[in-house]
Amino acid sequence: VTVLYRLEGEPAVTGRSGFSDVKLNSYYEDAVTWAADNGIVNGTSDTTFSPDSRLTRQQLAAILYRYARAFGGDTSYTGNLSHFTDRRQVDTYATTPMIWAVSHEIISGTSDTTLSPLSTATRAQVVVILHRYLTD
């Protein structure tokens, strides 16, 4: 969310994110507050964001989809995830975002038949996915 926040020019925020585990005055505090205020993130629970946890591929898809929705991006999509054998691992909240990300070729499978939605998004994958999103 820090990258997206910076893309938007680091707009001023008021208040706090509402997540108890977002440290006061941390480098990411304003970004998380901004993302929560704009419906880009919901947290890992009602009161936690889990800033030190690893990001999954489906979480990244959901964040990018919500960012696109919040800031006028193309959220249309076609197709489905039927050709991925692990499609049932995609959580309900991430189904539409994953279909969107795959249909826009923002996220590709980790193989021809697997999507690996619950796997940690590696730094390399995050860079590629962000690049694809920003150049889509």
N, C-alpha and C. Protein backbone atom coordinates (compact mmCIF):
# COMPACT_ATOMS: atom_id res chain seq x y z
N VAL A 1 0.82 -1.21 0.00
CA VAL A 1 0.00 0.00 0.00
C VAL A 1 0.86 1.25 0.00
N THR A 2 2.07 1.13 0.50
CA THR A 2 2.95 2.29 0.50
C THR A 2 3.28 2.72 -0.92
N VAL A 3 3.51 1.77 -1.81
CA VAL A 3 3.80 2.10 -3.21
C VAL A 3 2.60 2.81 -3.84
N LEU A 4 1.42 2.30 -3.63
CA LEU A 4 0.22 2.92 -4.21
C LEU A 4 -0.01 4.31 -3.62
N TYR A 5 0.21 4.44 -2.33
CA TYR A 5 0.07 5.74 -1.66
C TYR A 5 1.03 6.76 -2.26
N ARG A 6 2.23 6.33 -2.51
CA ARG A 6 3.22 7.23 -3.12
C ARG A 6 2.86 7.57 -4.56
N LEU A 7 2.29 6.60 -5.28
CA LEU A 7 1.83 6.87 -6.65
C LEU A 7 0.78 7.97 -6.68
N GLU A 8 -0.01 8.04 -5.64
CA GLU A 8 -1.07 9.05 -5.55
C GLU A 8 -0.55 10.38 -5.01
N GLY A 9 0.76 10.48 -4.80
CA GLY A 9 1.34 11.74 -4.35
C GLY A 9 1.31 11.93 -2.83
N GLU A 10 1.15 10.85 -2.10
CA GLU A 10 1.13 10.89 -0.64
C GLU A 10 0.14 11.92 -0.11
N PRO A 11 -1.14 11.75 -0.44
CA PRO A 11 -2.14 12.72 0.03
C PRO A 11 -2.20 12.77 1.56
N ALA A 12 -2.55 13.93 2.06
CA ALA A 12 -2.67 14.11 3.51
C ALA A 12 -3.76 13.21 4.07
N VAL A 13 -3.52 12.67 5.24
CA VAL A 13 -4.51 11.85 5.92
C VAL A 13 -4.78 12.46 7.28
N THR A 14 -5.94 12.18 7.81
CA THR A 14 -6.27 12.62 9.16
C THR A 14 -6.64 11.40 9.98
N GLY A 15 -6.31 11.43 11.22
CA GLY A 15 -6.63 10.32 12.09
C GLY A 15 -5.67 9.17 11.91
N ARG A 16 -6.11 8.03 12.39
CA ARG A 16 -5.30 6.81 12.33
C ARG A 16 -6.08 5.75 11.61
N SER A 17 -5.42 4.69 11.24
CA SER A 17 -6.02 3.63 10.44
C SER A 17 -7.09 2.83 11.19
N GLY A 18 -6.98 2.77 12.51
CA GLY A 18 -7.89 1.94 13.29
C GLY A 18 -7.35 0.55 13.52
N PHE A 19 -6.18 0.25 12.98
CA PHE A 19 -5.55 -1.06 13.19
C PHE A 19 -4.56 -0.95 14.35
N SER A 20 -4.76 -1.79 15.35
CA SER A 20 -3.95 -1.70 16.56
C SER A 20 -2.48 -2.04 16.34
N ASP A 21 -2.16 -2.76 15.27
CA ASP A 21 -0.78 -3.16 15.05
C ASP A 21 -0.04 -2.27 14.04
N VAL A 22 -0.63 -1.17 13.65
CA VAL A 22 0.06 -0.20 12.80
C VAL A 22 0.72 0.81 13.73
N LYS A 23 2.05 0.79 13.73
CA LYS A 23 2.81 1.59 14.68
C LYS A 23 2.69 3.09 14.38
N LEU A 24 2.49 3.85 15.45
CA LEU A 24 2.42 5.31 15.36
C LEU A 24 3.72 5.85 14.78
N ASN A 25 3.58 6.71 13.79
CA ASN A 25 4.71 7.36 13.12
C ASN A 25 5.62 6.41 12.33
N SER A 26 5.14 5.21 12.03
CA SER A 26 5.93 4.31 11.19
C SER A 26 5.90 4.83 9.76
N TYR A 27 6.84 4.40 8.95
CA TYR A 27 6.90 4.88 7.57
C TYR A 27 5.65 4.53 6.77
N TYR A 28 4.93 3.52 7.20
CA TYR A 28 3.76 3.06 6.48
C TYR A 28 2.43 3.49 7.09
N GLU A 29 2.46 4.18 8.23
CA GLU A 29 1.21 4.52 8.93
C GLU A 29 0.26 5.33 8.05
N ASP A 30 0.73 6.39 7.42
CA ASP A 30 -0.15 7.21 6.59
C ASP A 30 -0.67 6.42 5.39
N ALA A 31 0.17 5.57 4.81
CA ALA A 31 -0.25 4.77 3.66
C ALA A 31 -1.36 3.80 4.03
N VAL A 32 -1.23 3.17 5.18
CA VAL A 32 -2.27 2.23 5.63
C VAL A 32 -3.55 2.99 5.94
N THR A 33 -3.43 4.13 6.61
CA THR A 33 -4.61 4.94 6.91
C THR A 33 -5.31 5.35 5.62
N TRP A 34 -4.55 5.85 4.66
CA TRP A 34 -5.08 6.24 3.35
C TRP A 34 -5.76 5.07 2.65
N ALA A 35 -5.10 3.91 2.65
CA ALA A 35 -5.65 2.72 1.99
C ALA A 35 -6.94 2.26 2.68
N ALA A 36 -6.97 2.29 3.99
CA ALA A 36 -8.18 1.90 4.72
C ALA A 36 -9.31 2.89 4.46
N ASP A 37 -8.98 4.17 4.48
CA ASP A 37 -9.99 5.21 4.24
C ASP A 37 -10.60 5.12 2.83
N ASN A 38 -9.82 4.62 1.88
CA ASN A 38 -10.28 4.52 0.50
C ASN A 38 -10.79 3.13 0.12
N GLY A 39 -10.94 2.25 1.10
CA GLY A 39 -11.48 0.92 0.84
C GLY A 39 -10.54 0.00 0.09
N ILE A 40 -9.26 0.29 0.12
CA ILE A 40 -8.27 -0.54 -0.58
C ILE A 40 -7.86 -1.73 0.27
N VAL A 41 -7.82 -1.53 1.58
CA VAL A 41 -7.52 -2.62 2.50
C VAL A 41 -8.59 -2.70 3.57
N ASN A 42 -8.81 -3.92 4.04
CA ASN A 42 -9.76 -4.16 5.12
C ASN A 42 -9.07 -4.63 6.39
N GLY A 43 -7.82 -5.03 6.28
CA GLY A 43 -7.11 -5.60 7.41
C GLY A 43 -7.27 -7.10 7.45
N THR A 44 -6.46 -7.73 8.28
CA THR A 44 -6.54 -9.18 8.44
C THR A 44 -7.60 -9.56 9.47
N SER A 45 -8.07 -8.57 10.20
CA SER A 45 -9.22 -8.70 11.10
C SER A 45 -9.81 -7.30 11.23
N ASP A 46 -10.83 -7.16 12.03
CA ASP A 46 -11.42 -5.84 12.23
C ASP A 46 -10.46 -4.86 12.88
N THR A 47 -9.48 -5.37 13.63
CA THR A 47 -8.59 -4.48 14.37
C THR A 47 -7.11 -4.62 14.02
N THR A 48 -6.77 -5.53 13.12
CA THR A 48 -5.36 -5.73 12.77
C THR A 48 -5.12 -5.64 11.27
N PHE A 49 -3.92 -5.18 10.95
CA PHE A 49 -3.47 -5.08 9.56
C PHE A 49 -2.39 -6.10 9.24
N SER A 50 -1.65 -6.51 10.24
CA SER A 50 -0.54 -7.47 10.10
C SER A 50 0.54 -6.95 9.16
N PRO A 51 1.12 -5.78 9.48
CA PRO A 51 2.10 -5.17 8.59
C PRO A 51 3.38 -5.98 8.42
N ASP A 52 3.68 -6.87 9.34
CA ASP A 52 4.90 -7.66 9.24
C ASP A 52 4.67 -9.04 8.62
N SER A 53 3.43 -9.33 8.24
CA SER A 53 3.14 -10.62 7.61
C SER A 53 3.45 -10.56 6.12
N ARG A 54 3.69 -11.71 5.57
CA ARG A 54 3.95 -11.80 4.13
C ARG A 54 2.63 -11.67 3.37
N LEU A 55 2.70 -11.06 2.22
CA LEU A 55 1.54 -10.81 1.37
C LEU A 55 1.31 -12.01 0.47
N THR A 56 0.07 -12.48 0.39
CA THR A 56 -0.22 -13.58 -0.53
C THR A 56 -0.57 -13.03 -1.91
N ARG A 57 -0.53 -13.88 -2.89
CA ARG A 57 -0.84 -13.48 -4.25
C ARG A 57 -2.29 -13.01 -4.35
N GLN A 58 -3.21 -13.66 -3.63
CA GLN A 58 -4.61 -13.22 -3.69
C GLN A 58 -4.81 -11.90 -2.96
N GLN A 59 -4.07 -11.65 -1.88
CA GLN A 59 -4.16 -10.36 -1.20
C GLN A 59 -3.68 -9.24 -2.11
N LEU A 60 -2.60 -9.48 -2.83
CA LEU A 60 -2.08 -8.48 -3.76
C LEU A 60 -3.10 -8.19 -4.85
N ALA A 61 -3.72 -9.23 -5.39
CA ALA A 61 -4.75 -9.03 -6.42
C ALA A 61 -5.90 -8.20 -5.86
N ALA A 62 -6.33 -8.50 -4.64
CA ALA A 62 -7.44 -7.77 -4.03
C ALA A 62 -7.09 -6.31 -3.80
N ILE A 63 -5.88 -6.03 -3.35
CA ILE A 63 -5.46 -4.65 -3.11
C ILE A 63 -5.43 -3.87 -4.42
N LEU A 64 -4.86 -4.47 -5.47
CA LEU A 64 -4.79 -3.77 -6.75
C LEU A 64 -6.18 -3.55 -7.35
N TYR A 65 -7.05 -4.54 -7.22
CA TYR A 65 -8.42 -4.42 -7.73
C TYR A 65 -9.16 -3.29 -7.01
N ARG A 66 -9.04 -3.26 -5.69
CA ARG A 66 -9.72 -2.21 -4.92
C ARG A 66 -9.13 -0.83 -5.22
N TYR A 67 -7.83 -0.79 -5.44
CA TYR A 67 -7.18 0.47 -5.81
C TYR A 67 -7.73 0.94 -7.16
N ALA A 68 -7.82 0.04 -8.12
CA ALA A 68 -8.36 0.40 -9.44
C ALA A 68 -9.79 0.88 -9.30
N ARG A 69 -10.57 0.19 -8.50
CA ARG A 69 -11.98 0.57 -8.29
C ARG A 69 -12.09 1.94 -7.64
N ALA A 70 -11.23 2.21 -6.65
CA ALA A 70 -11.29 3.47 -5.92
C ALA A 70 -10.82 4.66 -6.74
N PHE A 71 -9.92 4.41 -7.70
CA PHE A 71 -9.32 5.52 -8.43
C PHE A 71 -9.57 5.47 -9.93
N GLY A 72 -10.71 4.89 -10.31
CA GLY A 72 -11.16 4.96 -11.69
C GLY A 72 -10.46 4.06 -12.67
N GLY A 73 -9.81 3.03 -12.20
CA GLY A 73 -9.15 2.08 -13.10
C GLY A 73 -10.16 1.14 -13.74
N ASP A 74 -9.71 0.41 -14.71
CA ASP A 74 -10.57 -0.55 -15.42
C ASP A 74 -10.75 -1.78 -14.55
N THR A 75 -11.95 -2.00 -14.05
CA THR A 75 -12.23 -3.18 -13.22
C THR A 75 -13.07 -4.20 -13.97
N SER A 76 -13.19 -4.02 -15.27
CA SER A 76 -13.91 -5.02 -16.06
C SER A 76 -13.06 -6.27 -16.16
N TYR A 77 -13.70 -7.37 -16.40
CA TYR A 77 -12.96 -8.62 -16.57
C TYR A 77 -13.79 -9.60 -17.37
N THR A 78 -13.11 -10.56 -17.93
CA THR A 78 -13.77 -11.64 -18.65
C THR A 78 -13.14 -12.94 -18.20
N GLY A 79 -13.87 -14.01 -18.40
CA GLY A 79 -13.32 -15.32 -18.10
C GLY A 79 -13.56 -15.76 -16.68
N ASN A 80 -12.80 -16.77 -16.31
CA ASN A 80 -12.90 -17.35 -14.98
C ASN A 80 -11.58 -18.03 -14.66
N LEU A 81 -11.55 -18.74 -13.60
CA LEU A 81 -10.33 -19.41 -13.17
C LEU A 81 -10.37 -20.91 -13.41
N SER A 82 -11.28 -21.36 -14.25
CA SER A 82 -11.53 -22.80 -14.40
C SER A 82 -10.34 -23.61 -14.87
N HIS A 83 -9.40 -23.00 -15.55
CA HIS A 83 -8.25 -23.78 -16.03
C HIS A 83 -7.16 -23.95 -14.97
N PHE A 84 -7.35 -23.37 -13.79
CA PHE A 84 -6.40 -23.55 -12.70
C PHE A 84 -6.92 -24.63 -11.75
N THR A 85 -6.10 -25.62 -11.51
CA THR A 85 -6.53 -26.74 -10.67
C THR A 85 -6.69 -26.33 -9.20
N ASP A 86 -6.07 -25.25 -8.80
CA ASP A 86 -6.15 -24.80 -7.41
C ASP A 86 -7.11 -23.63 -7.22
N ARG A 87 -8.02 -23.44 -8.15
CA ARG A 87 -8.95 -22.30 -8.11
C ARG A 87 -9.82 -22.29 -6.86
N ARG A 88 -10.08 -23.45 -6.28
CA ARG A 88 -10.92 -23.51 -5.08
C ARG A 88 -10.19 -23.00 -3.84
N GLN A 89 -8.89 -22.79 -3.95
CA GLN A 89 -8.12 -22.23 -2.83
C GLN A 89 -8.30 -20.71 -2.73
N VAL A 90 -8.81 -20.09 -3.78
CA VAL A 90 -9.01 -18.64 -3.76
C VAL A 90 -10.15 -18.32 -2.81
N ASP A 91 -9.87 -17.50 -1.82
CA ASP A 91 -10.90 -17.10 -0.86
C ASP A 91 -11.97 -16.27 -1.56
N THR A 92 -13.17 -16.30 -1.01
CA THR A 92 -14.31 -15.60 -1.59
C THR A 92 -14.01 -14.13 -1.85
N TYR A 93 -13.39 -13.46 -0.89
CA TYR A 93 -13.12 -12.03 -1.06
C TYR A 93 -12.20 -11.75 -2.25
N ALA A 94 -11.41 -12.74 -2.64
CA ALA A 94 -10.42 -12.53 -3.69
C ALA A 94 -10.81 -13.11 -5.04
N THR A 95 -11.97 -13.73 -5.13
CA THR A 95 -12.35 -14.37 -6.40
C THR A 95 -12.44 -13.37 -7.54
N THR A 96 -13.24 -12.35 -7.39
CA THR A 96 -13.36 -11.34 -8.45
C THR A 96 -12.02 -10.67 -8.73
N PRO A 97 -11.29 -10.23 -7.69
CA PRO A 97 -9.98 -9.63 -7.97
C PRO A 97 -9.02 -10.56 -8.72
N MET A 98 -9.03 -11.85 -8.38
CA MET A 98 -8.13 -12.78 -9.07
C MET A 98 -8.56 -12.97 -10.53
N ILE A 99 -9.85 -13.10 -10.78
CA ILE A 99 -10.32 -13.22 -12.17
C ILE A 99 -9.94 -11.96 -12.93
N TRP A 100 -10.14 -10.81 -12.31
CA TRP A 100 -9.76 -9.52 -12.93
C TRP A 100 -8.28 -9.48 -13.25
N ALA A 101 -7.46 -9.83 -12.27
CA ALA A 101 -6.00 -9.76 -12.46
C ALA A 101 -5.52 -10.74 -13.52
N VAL A 102 -6.10 -11.93 -13.57
CA VAL A 102 -5.73 -12.91 -14.59
C VAL A 102 -6.21 -12.45 -15.97
N SER A 103 -7.44 -11.93 -16.05
CA SER A 103 -7.97 -11.52 -17.35
C SER A 103 -7.21 -10.33 -17.93
N HIS A 104 -6.64 -9.50 -17.06
CA HIS A 104 -5.84 -8.36 -17.52
C HIS A 104 -4.35 -8.71 -17.65
N GLU A 105 -4.04 -9.98 -17.40
CA GLU A 105 -2.66 -10.48 -17.45
C GLU A 105 -1.74 -9.74 -16.49
N ILE A 106 -2.31 -9.34 -15.37
CA ILE A 106 -1.54 -8.71 -14.30
C ILE A 106 -0.90 -9.80 -13.45
N ILE A 107 -1.66 -10.85 -13.21
CA ILE A 107 -1.15 -12.03 -12.50
C ILE A 107 -1.31 -13.21 -13.44
N SER A 108 -0.25 -13.98 -13.52
CA SER A 108 -0.32 -15.22 -14.30
C SER A 108 -0.14 -16.38 -13.34
N GLY A 109 -0.38 -17.55 -13.82
CA GLY A 109 -0.22 -18.73 -12.99
C GLY A 109 1.24 -18.98 -12.66
N THR A 110 1.45 -19.72 -11.61
CA THR A 110 2.81 -20.13 -11.28
C THR A 110 3.22 -21.33 -12.12
N SER A 111 2.24 -21.90 -12.80
CA SER A 111 2.46 -22.91 -13.84
C SER A 111 1.27 -22.79 -14.79
N ASP A 112 1.21 -23.62 -15.79
CA ASP A 112 0.09 -23.56 -16.73
C ASP A 112 -1.24 -23.89 -16.07
N THR A 113 -1.20 -24.62 -14.96
CA THR A 113 -2.45 -25.06 -14.34
C THR A 113 -2.61 -24.64 -12.87
N THR A 114 -1.65 -23.92 -12.33
CA THR A 114 -1.77 -23.50 -10.93
C THR A 114 -1.63 -21.99 -10.80
N LEU A 115 -2.41 -21.45 -9.89
CA LEU A 115 -2.43 -20.01 -9.63
C LEU A 115 -1.70 -19.67 -8.32
N SER A 116 -1.66 -20.60 -7.40
CA SER A 116 -1.00 -20.44 -6.10
C SER A 116 -1.49 -19.19 -5.35
N PRO A 117 -2.81 -19.06 -5.14
CA PRO A 117 -3.34 -17.85 -4.53
C PRO A 117 -2.92 -17.64 -3.08
N LEU A 118 -2.63 -18.71 -2.37
CA LEU A 118 -2.28 -18.59 -0.96
C LEU A 118 -0.77 -18.52 -0.73
N SER A 119 -0.01 -18.65 -1.80
CA SER A 119 1.44 -18.57 -1.68
C SER A 119 1.87 -17.12 -1.45
N THR A 120 2.96 -16.97 -0.76
CA THR A 120 3.54 -15.65 -0.56
C THR A 120 3.95 -15.07 -1.90
N ALA A 121 3.61 -13.83 -2.12
CA ALA A 121 4.07 -13.13 -3.32
C ALA A 121 5.52 -12.74 -3.07
N THR A 122 6.43 -13.29 -3.85
CA THR A 122 7.84 -12.96 -3.68
C THR A 122 8.08 -11.52 -4.11
N ARG A 123 9.21 -10.97 -3.73
CA ARG A 123 9.53 -9.61 -4.15
C ARG A 123 9.54 -9.50 -5.66
N ALA A 124 10.11 -10.51 -6.30
CA ALA A 124 10.16 -10.49 -7.77
C ALA A 124 8.75 -10.51 -8.36
N GLN A 125 7.86 -11.32 -7.81
CA GLN A 125 6.48 -11.37 -8.30
C GLN A 125 5.78 -10.04 -8.07
N VAL A 126 5.99 -9.43 -6.92
CA VAL A 126 5.36 -8.14 -6.63
C VAL A 126 5.81 -7.10 -7.64
N VAL A 127 7.10 -7.07 -7.94
CA VAL A 127 7.62 -6.11 -8.90
C VAL A 127 6.99 -6.33 -10.27
N VAL A 128 6.93 -7.57 -10.72
CA VAL A 128 6.36 -7.88 -12.03
C VAL A 128 4.88 -7.54 -12.06
N ILE A 129 4.16 -7.91 -11.01
CA ILE A 129 2.72 -7.66 -10.95
C ILE A 129 2.43 -6.16 -10.93
N LEU A 130 3.18 -5.40 -10.14
CA LEU A 130 3.00 -3.95 -10.12
C LEU A 130 3.33 -3.33 -11.49
N HIS A 131 4.38 -3.80 -12.11
CA HIS A 131 4.75 -3.30 -13.44
C HIS A 131 3.62 -3.59 -14.44
N ARG A 132 3.12 -4.80 -14.42
CA ARG A 132 2.03 -5.14 -15.34
C ARG A 132 0.80 -4.28 -15.07
N TYR A 133 0.48 -4.09 -13.79
CA TYR A 133 -0.67 -3.26 -13.47
C TYR A 133 -0.48 -1.83 -13.96
N LEU A 134 0.67 -1.27 -13.71
CA LEU A 134 0.92 0.12 -14.06
C LEU A 134 1.06 0.35 -15.55
N THR A 135 1.34 -0.68 -16.31
CA THR A 135 1.46 -0.53 -17.76
C THR A 135 0.28 -1.12 -18.51
N ASP A 136 -0.73 -1.61 -17.77
CA ASP A 136 -1.93 -2.20 -18.40
C ASP A 136 -2.78 -1.13 -19.03
